[in-house]
Amino acid sequence: ALADVVEESANLLRATIPRGVELDVACEPGTPLLLGDPTQLHQVLMNLCTNAWQAMPDRSKGRLAIRLAPHAGPPPRDADLRLDAGVPDNAWPAVNLCLTVSDDGCGMDADTLARLFEPFFTTKAPGEGTGLGLAVVHGILRDHQAAVRVRSAPGEGTTFSVYFRAADIESAHAILAG
């Protein structure tokens, strides 16, 4: 279950980020299951959370929130949609999953948002990052047919909302049965 990946990632984050950074984690009961690679989903969550923490003004205090919740229908289709799942709206089950990572960091301007998933693009100082973290996130989420909505503005923090299609339980059982 994705909730297990969220909890595992949160435990690792609590051990690595400064104590002054408040980590708020909530996994709503009733969130559907997801067929996905737990290792890759862990990498997505760790990359998003590390970027969020590094976007905090002095990196020693701030708020980072992770939410996993059911989501009715397909992802919202608006200007904030940065990665389309490539799945027609009528192919999304009635209830899906939404994984949200939000921070109260420095936020991003429109130019940065436009280049968000470009390989080797970084706003960090030389030696602080490769610019590959979000490119890797993009590839993993594309492979999982997820959609990503990003809301951000300078001085207002950032929110990544990742929408996954819920697993078809009958198909999952067939795959597990081999």
N, C-alpha and C. Protein backbone atom coordinates (compact mmCIF):
# COMPACT_ATOMS: atom_id res chain seq x y z
N ALA A 1 0.84 -1.19 0.00
CA ALA A 1 0.00 0.00 0.00
C ALA A 1 0.89 1.25 0.00
N LEU A 2 0.43 2.28 -0.67
CA LEU A 2 1.20 3.51 -0.73
C LEU A 2 1.34 4.13 0.65
N ALA A 3 0.39 3.89 1.53
CA ALA A 3 0.49 4.41 2.91
C ALA A 3 1.74 3.86 3.60
N ASP A 4 2.10 2.62 3.32
CA ASP A 4 3.31 2.05 3.90
C ASP A 4 4.56 2.78 3.40
N VAL A 5 4.58 3.11 2.13
CA VAL A 5 5.70 3.86 1.55
C VAL A 5 5.77 5.25 2.17
N VAL A 6 4.63 5.87 2.37
CA VAL A 6 4.59 7.20 2.99
C VAL A 6 5.14 7.13 4.41
N GLU A 7 4.70 6.16 5.18
CA GLU A 7 5.17 6.04 6.57
C GLU A 7 6.67 5.75 6.64
N GLU A 8 7.14 4.85 5.78
CA GLU A 8 8.57 4.52 5.75
C GLU A 8 9.40 5.76 5.37
N SER A 9 8.93 6.49 4.37
CA SER A 9 9.64 7.70 3.94
C SER A 9 9.64 8.75 5.05
N ALA A 10 8.51 8.90 5.72
CA ALA A 10 8.41 9.88 6.80
C ALA A 10 9.38 9.54 7.93
N ASN A 11 9.52 8.27 8.26
CA ASN A 11 10.46 7.86 9.31
C ASN A 11 11.89 8.21 8.92
N LEU A 12 12.24 7.99 7.67
CA LEU A 12 13.58 8.33 7.20
C LEU A 12 13.79 9.84 7.21
N LEU A 13 12.76 10.57 6.78
CA LEU A 13 12.86 12.04 6.78
C LEU A 13 13.04 12.59 8.19
N ARG A 14 12.28 12.05 9.14
CA ARG A 14 12.39 12.52 10.53
C ARG A 14 13.81 12.37 11.06
N ALA A 15 14.51 11.35 10.57
CA ALA A 15 15.88 11.10 11.02
C ALA A 15 16.91 11.98 10.30
N THR A 16 16.52 12.60 9.18
CA THR A 16 17.51 13.34 8.39
C THR A 16 17.30 14.85 8.34
N ILE A 17 16.06 15.31 8.45
CA ILE A 17 15.84 16.76 8.37
C ILE A 17 16.01 17.39 9.76
N PRO A 18 16.36 18.66 9.82
CA PRO A 18 16.54 19.31 11.13
C PRO A 18 15.26 19.28 11.96
N ARG A 19 15.44 19.26 13.27
CA ARG A 19 14.28 19.20 14.20
C ARG A 19 13.36 20.40 14.08
N GLY A 20 13.90 21.52 13.63
CA GLY A 20 13.08 22.73 13.50
C GLY A 20 12.11 22.67 12.33
N VAL A 21 12.25 21.68 11.48
CA VAL A 21 11.32 21.50 10.36
C VAL A 21 10.19 20.59 10.83
N GLU A 22 9.00 21.13 10.85
CA GLU A 22 7.81 20.37 11.26
C GLU A 22 7.39 19.45 10.13
N LEU A 23 7.32 18.16 10.39
CA LEU A 23 6.88 17.18 9.41
C LEU A 23 5.50 16.68 9.81
N ASP A 24 4.53 16.97 8.99
CA ASP A 24 3.14 16.61 9.25
C ASP A 24 2.72 15.55 8.22
N VAL A 25 2.40 14.36 8.68
CA VAL A 25 2.07 13.24 7.79
C VAL A 25 0.67 12.73 8.12
N ALA A 26 -0.14 12.55 7.09
CA ALA A 26 -1.48 12.01 7.29
C ALA A 26 -1.85 11.10 6.12
N CYS A 27 -2.23 9.88 6.44
CA CYS A 27 -2.72 8.93 5.44
C CYS A 27 -4.17 8.61 5.80
N GLU A 28 -5.08 9.03 4.96
CA GLU A 28 -6.50 8.82 5.26
C GLU A 28 -6.88 7.36 5.07
N PRO A 29 -7.65 6.85 6.02
CA PRO A 29 -8.16 5.49 5.85
C PRO A 29 -9.09 5.46 4.64
N GLY A 30 -9.17 4.32 4.02
CA GLY A 30 -10.05 4.19 2.86
C GLY A 30 -9.39 4.61 1.56
N THR A 31 -8.10 4.97 1.62
CA THR A 31 -7.40 5.30 0.39
C THR A 31 -7.20 4.00 -0.38
N PRO A 32 -7.58 3.98 -1.67
CA PRO A 32 -7.48 2.73 -2.42
C PRO A 32 -6.03 2.26 -2.61
N LEU A 33 -5.90 1.04 -3.04
CA LEU A 33 -4.59 0.47 -3.33
C LEU A 33 -4.08 0.94 -4.68
N LEU A 34 -2.77 0.85 -4.84
CA LEU A 34 -2.09 1.26 -6.07
C LEU A 34 -1.17 0.14 -6.49
N LEU A 35 -1.19 -0.19 -7.77
CA LEU A 35 -0.20 -1.13 -8.29
C LEU A 35 1.00 -0.29 -8.73
N GLY A 36 2.11 -0.46 -8.04
CA GLY A 36 3.29 0.32 -8.39
C GLY A 36 4.52 -0.26 -7.73
N ASP A 37 5.65 0.24 -8.14
CA ASP A 37 6.93 -0.20 -7.60
C ASP A 37 7.22 0.58 -6.33
N PRO A 38 7.19 -0.07 -5.15
CA PRO A 38 7.38 0.64 -3.89
C PRO A 38 8.72 1.38 -3.81
N THR A 39 9.78 0.79 -4.37
CA THR A 39 11.10 1.43 -4.34
C THR A 39 11.08 2.73 -5.14
N GLN A 40 10.46 2.70 -6.31
CA GLN A 40 10.39 3.91 -7.13
C GLN A 40 9.48 4.96 -6.48
N LEU A 41 8.38 4.53 -5.88
CA LEU A 41 7.48 5.48 -5.23
C LEU A 41 8.15 6.10 -4.00
N HIS A 42 8.97 5.33 -3.31
CA HIS A 42 9.75 5.85 -2.19
C HIS A 42 10.72 6.93 -2.71
N GLN A 43 11.35 6.66 -3.84
CA GLN A 43 12.28 7.63 -4.43
C GLN A 43 11.55 8.92 -4.80
N VAL A 44 10.36 8.81 -5.35
CA VAL A 44 9.56 10.00 -5.69
C VAL A 44 9.31 10.83 -4.44
N LEU A 45 8.84 10.17 -3.41
CA LEU A 45 8.50 10.88 -2.18
C LEU A 45 9.74 11.52 -1.54
N MET A 46 10.83 10.79 -1.50
CA MET A 46 12.06 11.34 -0.91
C MET A 46 12.58 12.54 -1.72
N ASN A 47 12.52 12.45 -3.05
CA ASN A 47 12.97 13.58 -3.88
C ASN A 47 12.08 14.80 -3.66
N LEU A 48 10.76 14.60 -3.66
CA LEU A 48 9.85 15.73 -3.45
C LEU A 48 10.06 16.36 -2.08
N CYS A 49 10.22 15.52 -1.05
CA CYS A 49 10.37 16.04 0.31
C CYS A 49 11.73 16.70 0.51
N THR A 50 12.77 16.15 -0.07
CA THR A 50 14.10 16.76 0.05
C THR A 50 14.11 18.12 -0.62
N ASN A 51 13.52 18.22 -1.81
CA ASN A 51 13.43 19.51 -2.49
C ASN A 51 12.62 20.50 -1.65
N ALA A 52 11.55 20.03 -1.04
CA ALA A 52 10.71 20.91 -0.21
C ALA A 52 11.51 21.45 0.97
N TRP A 53 12.22 20.56 1.64
CA TRP A 53 13.04 20.97 2.78
C TRP A 53 14.12 21.96 2.33
N GLN A 54 14.77 21.68 1.20
CA GLN A 54 15.83 22.56 0.72
C GLN A 54 15.32 23.91 0.24
N ALA A 55 14.02 24.01 -0.01
CA ALA A 55 13.43 25.28 -0.44
C ALA A 55 13.09 26.19 0.74
N MET A 56 13.23 25.68 1.94
CA MET A 56 12.94 26.49 3.12
C MET A 56 14.07 27.51 3.31
N PRO A 57 13.72 28.74 3.66
CA PRO A 57 14.70 29.82 3.67
C PRO A 57 16.03 29.51 4.34
N ASP A 58 16.03 28.95 5.55
CA ASP A 58 17.33 28.66 6.16
C ASP A 58 17.53 27.16 6.39
N ARG A 59 16.63 26.34 5.86
CA ARG A 59 16.69 24.88 5.92
C ARG A 59 16.65 24.30 7.33
N SER A 60 16.49 25.14 8.34
CA SER A 60 16.45 24.60 9.70
C SER A 60 15.08 24.73 10.35
N LYS A 61 14.18 25.44 9.70
CA LYS A 61 12.81 25.53 10.23
C LYS A 61 11.84 25.75 9.09
N GLY A 62 10.64 25.29 9.31
CA GLY A 62 9.60 25.40 8.29
C GLY A 62 8.61 24.28 8.48
N ARG A 63 7.72 24.14 7.51
CA ARG A 63 6.68 23.11 7.60
C ARG A 63 6.64 22.32 6.30
N LEU A 64 6.64 21.01 6.45
CA LEU A 64 6.57 20.08 5.33
C LEU A 64 5.41 19.14 5.63
N ALA A 65 4.48 19.02 4.71
CA ALA A 65 3.31 18.17 4.93
C ALA A 65 3.20 17.14 3.82
N ILE A 66 2.88 15.92 4.23
CA ILE A 66 2.63 14.83 3.29
C ILE A 66 1.22 14.32 3.57
N ARG A 67 0.41 14.22 2.52
CA ARG A 67 -0.96 13.73 2.66
C ARG A 67 -1.21 12.66 1.61
N LEU A 68 -1.87 11.60 2.03
CA LEU A 68 -2.34 10.58 1.12
C LEU A 68 -3.83 10.44 1.36
N ALA A 69 -4.61 10.60 0.31
CA ALA A 69 -6.06 10.60 0.48
C ALA A 69 -6.74 10.06 -0.77
N PRO A 70 -7.96 9.56 -0.61
CA PRO A 70 -8.75 9.20 -1.79
C PRO A 70 -9.06 10.46 -2.60
N HIS A 71 -9.21 10.28 -3.89
CA HIS A 71 -9.58 11.40 -4.77
C HIS A 71 -10.65 10.90 -5.73
N ALA A 72 -11.75 11.62 -5.81
CA ALA A 72 -12.85 11.22 -6.70
C ALA A 72 -12.53 11.56 -8.15
N GLY A 73 -12.58 10.56 -9.00
CA GLY A 73 -12.43 10.76 -10.44
C GLY A 73 -11.02 11.09 -10.89
N PRO A 74 -10.92 11.64 -12.12
CA PRO A 74 -9.62 11.97 -12.69
C PRO A 74 -9.02 13.21 -12.04
N PRO A 75 -7.73 13.48 -12.32
CA PRO A 75 -7.11 14.69 -11.75
C PRO A 75 -7.73 15.95 -12.36
N PRO A 76 -7.66 17.05 -11.63
CA PRO A 76 -8.16 18.31 -12.19
C PRO A 76 -7.33 18.71 -13.42
N ARG A 77 -7.98 19.18 -14.41
CA ARG A 77 -7.29 19.62 -15.63
C ARG A 77 -7.31 21.15 -15.64
N ASP A 78 -6.20 21.72 -15.22
CA ASP A 78 -6.11 23.17 -15.17
C ASP A 78 -4.67 23.58 -15.48
N ALA A 79 -4.38 24.86 -15.38
CA ALA A 79 -3.06 25.38 -15.73
C ALA A 79 -1.97 24.83 -14.83
N ASP A 80 -2.32 24.31 -13.66
CA ASP A 80 -1.32 23.78 -12.73
C ASP A 80 -0.93 22.34 -13.03
N LEU A 81 -1.59 21.70 -14.00
CA LEU A 81 -1.27 20.32 -14.35
C LEU A 81 0.05 20.31 -15.12
N ARG A 82 1.08 19.72 -14.52
CA ARG A 82 2.43 19.73 -15.12
C ARG A 82 2.78 18.43 -15.79
N LEU A 83 2.10 17.36 -15.44
CA LEU A 83 2.31 16.06 -16.09
C LEU A 83 0.95 15.40 -16.22
N ASP A 84 0.54 15.19 -17.47
CA ASP A 84 -0.72 14.51 -17.73
C ASP A 84 -0.45 13.01 -17.72
N ALA A 85 -1.33 12.26 -17.13
CA ALA A 85 -1.15 10.81 -17.02
C ALA A 85 -1.25 10.10 -18.36
N GLY A 86 -1.79 10.79 -19.36
CA GLY A 86 -1.98 10.15 -20.65
C GLY A 86 -3.11 9.14 -20.64
N VAL A 87 -4.00 9.28 -19.69
CA VAL A 87 -5.13 8.37 -19.52
C VAL A 87 -6.41 9.17 -19.72
N PRO A 88 -7.29 8.72 -20.61
CA PRO A 88 -8.55 9.46 -20.79
C PRO A 88 -9.33 9.53 -19.47
N ASP A 89 -10.06 10.61 -19.29
CA ASP A 89 -10.82 10.79 -18.05
C ASP A 89 -11.74 9.61 -17.75
N ASN A 90 -12.32 9.02 -18.79
CA ASN A 90 -13.27 7.92 -18.55
C ASN A 90 -12.56 6.60 -18.18
N ALA A 91 -11.22 6.57 -18.20
CA ALA A 91 -10.48 5.37 -17.81
C ALA A 91 -10.04 5.43 -16.34
N TRP A 92 -10.33 6.55 -15.68
CA TRP A 92 -10.02 6.66 -14.25
C TRP A 92 -11.17 6.05 -13.45
N PRO A 93 -10.85 5.20 -12.46
CA PRO A 93 -11.92 4.68 -11.60
C PRO A 93 -12.64 5.82 -10.86
N ALA A 94 -13.72 5.48 -10.21
CA ALA A 94 -14.51 6.50 -9.49
C ALA A 94 -13.71 7.10 -8.34
N VAL A 95 -12.89 6.25 -7.65
CA VAL A 95 -12.08 6.74 -6.53
C VAL A 95 -10.63 6.36 -6.79
N ASN A 96 -9.73 7.33 -6.66
CA ASN A 96 -8.31 7.15 -6.92
C ASN A 96 -7.50 7.62 -5.73
N LEU A 97 -6.21 7.87 -5.94
CA LEU A 97 -5.33 8.31 -4.85
C LEU A 97 -4.73 9.66 -5.20
N CYS A 98 -4.55 10.48 -4.17
CA CYS A 98 -3.83 11.73 -4.33
C CYS A 98 -2.78 11.81 -3.22
N LEU A 99 -1.53 11.91 -3.64
CA LEU A 99 -0.40 12.08 -2.74
C LEU A 99 0.05 13.53 -2.85
N THR A 100 0.03 14.26 -1.74
CA THR A 100 0.37 15.68 -1.76
C THR A 100 1.58 15.93 -0.87
N VAL A 101 2.53 16.69 -1.41
CA VAL A 101 3.69 17.14 -0.64
C VAL A 101 3.68 18.66 -0.73
N SER A 102 3.59 19.33 0.42
CA SER A 102 3.56 20.79 0.42
C SER A 102 4.55 21.34 1.44
N ASP A 103 5.02 22.53 1.14
CA ASP A 103 5.99 23.18 2.02
C ASP A 103 5.69 24.67 2.10
N ASP A 104 6.30 25.30 3.09
CA ASP A 104 6.17 26.76 3.23
C ASP A 104 7.49 27.44 2.85
N GLY A 105 8.19 26.84 1.90
CA GLY A 105 9.47 27.36 1.43
C GLY A 105 9.34 28.58 0.56
N CYS A 106 10.39 28.83 -0.22
CA CYS A 106 10.49 30.06 -1.01
C CYS A 106 9.56 30.10 -2.21
N GLY A 107 9.04 28.97 -2.65
CA GLY A 107 8.15 28.95 -3.80
C GLY A 107 8.92 29.10 -5.11
N MET A 108 8.20 29.02 -6.22
CA MET A 108 8.81 29.10 -7.54
C MET A 108 8.07 30.11 -8.40
N ASP A 109 8.82 30.78 -9.27
CA ASP A 109 8.19 31.70 -10.22
C ASP A 109 7.77 30.92 -11.47
N ALA A 110 7.10 31.58 -12.38
CA ALA A 110 6.56 30.93 -13.59
C ALA A 110 7.66 30.34 -14.45
N ASP A 111 8.81 31.02 -14.58
CA ASP A 111 9.90 30.49 -15.40
C ASP A 111 10.45 29.19 -14.82
N THR A 112 10.58 29.13 -13.51
CA THR A 112 11.07 27.91 -12.86
C THR A 112 10.05 26.79 -13.03
N LEU A 113 8.78 27.08 -12.82
CA LEU A 113 7.73 26.08 -12.99
C LEU A 113 7.72 25.50 -14.41
N ALA A 114 8.00 26.34 -15.39
CA ALA A 114 8.00 25.89 -16.79
C ALA A 114 9.12 24.89 -17.05
N ARG A 115 10.20 24.94 -16.29
CA ARG A 115 11.36 24.07 -16.51
C ARG A 115 11.50 22.98 -15.45
N LEU A 116 10.54 22.88 -14.59
CA LEU A 116 10.57 22.04 -13.41
C LEU A 116 11.15 20.64 -13.61
N PHE A 117 10.73 19.95 -14.64
CA PHE A 117 11.12 18.56 -14.84
C PHE A 117 12.25 18.38 -15.85
N GLU A 118 12.85 19.47 -16.31
CA GLU A 118 13.95 19.37 -17.27
C GLU A 118 15.19 18.75 -16.62
N PRO A 119 15.79 17.75 -17.30
CA PRO A 119 17.03 17.20 -16.75
C PRO A 119 18.12 18.27 -16.66
N PHE A 120 18.85 18.26 -15.58
CA PHE A 120 19.98 19.16 -15.30
C PHE A 120 19.57 20.59 -14.99
N PHE A 121 18.27 20.88 -14.94
CA PHE A 121 17.84 22.22 -14.53
C PHE A 121 17.81 22.26 -13.01
N THR A 122 18.46 23.24 -12.43
CA THR A 122 18.46 23.40 -10.98
C THR A 122 18.52 24.88 -10.63
N THR A 123 17.95 25.21 -9.51
CA THR A 123 18.05 26.58 -8.98
C THR A 123 19.05 26.62 -7.84
N LYS A 124 19.64 25.49 -7.56
CA LYS A 124 20.59 25.40 -6.44
C LYS A 124 21.97 25.88 -6.88
N ALA A 125 22.76 26.25 -5.88
CA ALA A 125 24.13 26.69 -6.14
C ALA A 125 24.97 25.52 -6.66
N PRO A 126 26.04 25.82 -7.42
CA PRO A 126 26.91 24.74 -7.90
C PRO A 126 27.37 23.86 -6.74
N GLY A 127 27.34 22.55 -6.99
CA GLY A 127 27.75 21.59 -5.97
C GLY A 127 26.65 21.17 -5.02
N GLU A 128 25.47 21.81 -5.10
CA GLU A 128 24.37 21.48 -4.18
C GLU A 128 23.33 20.55 -4.79
N GLY A 129 23.36 20.40 -6.09
CA GLY A 129 22.37 19.55 -6.72
C GLY A 129 22.72 19.31 -8.17
N THR A 130 22.20 18.21 -8.72
CA THR A 130 22.51 17.85 -10.10
C THR A 130 21.44 18.30 -11.08
N GLY A 131 20.26 18.61 -10.57
CA GLY A 131 19.16 18.93 -11.47
C GLY A 131 18.51 17.67 -12.02
N LEU A 132 18.76 16.54 -11.40
CA LEU A 132 18.18 15.29 -11.89
C LEU A 132 17.02 14.78 -11.04
N GLY A 133 16.87 15.27 -9.80
CA GLY A 133 15.85 14.76 -8.90
C GLY A 133 14.45 14.80 -9.47
N LEU A 134 14.02 15.97 -9.94
CA LEU A 134 12.66 16.07 -10.46
C LEU A 134 12.53 15.44 -11.85
N ALA A 135 13.62 15.35 -12.59
CA ALA A 135 13.58 14.64 -13.87
C ALA A 135 13.33 13.15 -13.62
N VAL A 136 13.96 12.61 -12.59
CA VAL A 136 13.74 11.21 -12.21
C VAL A 136 12.29 11.02 -11.73
N VAL A 137 11.82 11.94 -10.90
CA VAL A 137 10.43 11.90 -10.43
C VAL A 137 9.48 11.88 -11.63
N HIS A 138 9.73 12.75 -12.59
CA HIS A 138 8.89 12.83 -13.79
C HIS A 138 8.83 11.48 -14.51
N GLY A 139 10.00 10.86 -14.70
CA GLY A 139 10.04 9.57 -15.40
C GLY A 139 9.30 8.47 -14.66
N ILE A 140 9.50 8.40 -13.36
CA ILE A 140 8.83 7.38 -12.55
C ILE A 140 7.31 7.59 -12.59
N LEU A 141 6.88 8.83 -12.44
CA LEU A 141 5.44 9.10 -12.42
C LEU A 141 4.82 8.87 -13.79
N ARG A 142 5.55 9.21 -14.84
CA ARG A 142 5.06 8.94 -16.20
C ARG A 142 4.87 7.42 -16.37
N ASP A 143 5.86 6.64 -15.91
CA ASP A 143 5.77 5.18 -16.03
C ASP A 143 4.62 4.60 -15.21
N HIS A 144 4.24 5.27 -14.14
CA HIS A 144 3.11 4.83 -13.31
C HIS A 144 1.78 5.45 -13.78
N GLN A 145 1.81 6.13 -14.91
CA GLN A 145 0.63 6.81 -15.47
C GLN A 145 -0.03 7.72 -14.44
N ALA A 146 0.80 8.47 -13.74
CA ALA A 146 0.31 9.43 -12.75
C ALA A 146 0.24 10.82 -13.37
N ALA A 147 -0.58 11.65 -12.81
CA ALA A 147 -0.67 13.06 -13.19
C ALA A 147 -0.11 13.88 -12.04
N VAL A 148 0.49 15.02 -12.37
CA VAL A 148 1.08 15.88 -11.35
C VAL A 148 0.57 17.30 -11.54
N ARG A 149 0.10 17.84 -10.44
CA ARG A 149 -0.36 19.23 -10.41
C ARG A 149 0.56 19.97 -9.44
N VAL A 150 1.11 21.10 -9.86
CA VAL A 150 2.03 21.86 -9.02
C VAL A 150 1.51 23.28 -8.88
N ARG A 151 1.36 23.68 -7.63
CA ARG A 151 0.98 25.06 -7.32
C ARG A 151 2.11 25.69 -6.53
N SER A 152 2.56 26.86 -6.99
CA SER A 152 3.66 27.53 -6.32
C SER A 152 3.69 28.99 -6.73
N ALA A 153 4.20 29.80 -5.85
CA ALA A 153 4.43 31.21 -6.14
C ALA A 153 5.55 31.69 -5.22
N PRO A 154 6.35 32.64 -5.67
CA PRO A 154 7.43 33.14 -4.81
C PRO A 154 6.89 33.60 -3.46
N GLY A 155 7.54 33.12 -2.40
CA GLY A 155 7.16 33.49 -1.05
C GLY A 155 5.97 32.75 -0.49
N GLU A 156 5.36 31.86 -1.27
CA GLU A 156 4.14 31.18 -0.83
C GLU A 156 4.27 29.67 -0.73
N GLY A 157 5.48 29.14 -0.92
CA GLY A 157 5.65 27.70 -0.83
C GLY A 157 5.21 26.98 -2.09
N THR A 158 5.21 25.66 -2.01
CA THR A 158 4.91 24.82 -3.17
C THR A 158 4.08 23.63 -2.73
N THR A 159 3.15 23.21 -3.58
CA THR A 159 2.38 22.00 -3.36
C THR A 159 2.40 21.15 -4.61
N PHE A 160 2.92 19.92 -4.46
CA PHE A 160 2.86 18.92 -5.52
C PHE A 160 1.71 17.99 -5.17
N SER A 161 0.78 17.80 -6.09
CA SER A 161 -0.30 16.83 -5.92
C SER A 161 -0.13 15.79 -7.02
N VAL A 162 0.06 14.54 -6.61
CA VAL A 162 0.29 13.45 -7.55
C VAL A 162 -0.95 12.56 -7.52
N TYR A 163 -1.53 12.36 -8.70
CA TYR A 163 -2.76 11.58 -8.82
C TYR A 163 -2.44 10.23 -9.47
N PHE A 164 -2.81 9.17 -8.76
CA PHE A 164 -2.62 7.81 -9.25
C PHE A 164 -3.98 7.15 -9.44
N ARG A 165 -4.06 6.32 -10.49
CA ARG A 165 -5.28 5.51 -10.64
C ARG A 165 -5.25 4.40 -9.61
N ALA A 166 -6.40 4.15 -9.02
CA ALA A 166 -6.52 3.06 -8.05
C ALA A 166 -6.39 1.73 -8.78
N ALA A 167 -5.86 0.74 -8.06
CA ALA A 167 -5.70 -0.59 -8.63
C ALA A 167 -7.05 -1.26 -8.80
N ASP A 168 -7.18 -1.97 -9.87
CA ASP A 168 -8.32 -2.85 -10.07
C ASP A 168 -8.00 -4.11 -9.29
N ILE A 169 -8.71 -4.34 -8.21
CA ILE A 169 -8.39 -5.44 -7.29
C ILE A 169 -8.38 -6.80 -8.00
N GLU A 170 -9.30 -7.03 -8.91
CA GLU A 170 -9.32 -8.32 -9.62
C GLU A 170 -8.06 -8.48 -10.46
N SER A 171 -7.62 -7.42 -11.13
CA SER A 171 -6.39 -7.49 -11.92
C SER A 171 -5.18 -7.70 -11.02
N ALA A 172 -5.18 -7.03 -9.87
CA ALA A 172 -4.07 -7.19 -8.91
C ALA A 172 -3.97 -8.65 -8.45
N HIS A 173 -5.09 -9.25 -8.13
CA HIS A 173 -5.06 -10.65 -7.69
C HIS A 173 -4.55 -11.57 -8.80
N ALA A 174 -4.95 -11.28 -10.04
CA ALA A 174 -4.50 -12.09 -11.18
C ALA A 174 -2.98 -11.97 -11.36
N ILE A 175 -2.45 -10.76 -11.19
CA ILE A 175 -1.01 -10.55 -11.33
C ILE A 175 -0.27 -11.27 -10.22
N LEU A 176 -0.77 -11.15 -8.98
CA LEU A 176 -0.10 -11.79 -7.85
C LEU A 176 -0.18 -13.32 -7.94
N ALA A 177 -1.26 -13.83 -8.51
CA ALA A 177 -1.42 -15.28 -8.63
C ALA A 177 -0.46 -15.84 -9.69
N GLY A 178 -0.02 -14.95 -10.60
CA GLY A 178 0.98 -15.34 -11.60
C GLY A 178 0.36 -16.07 -12.72
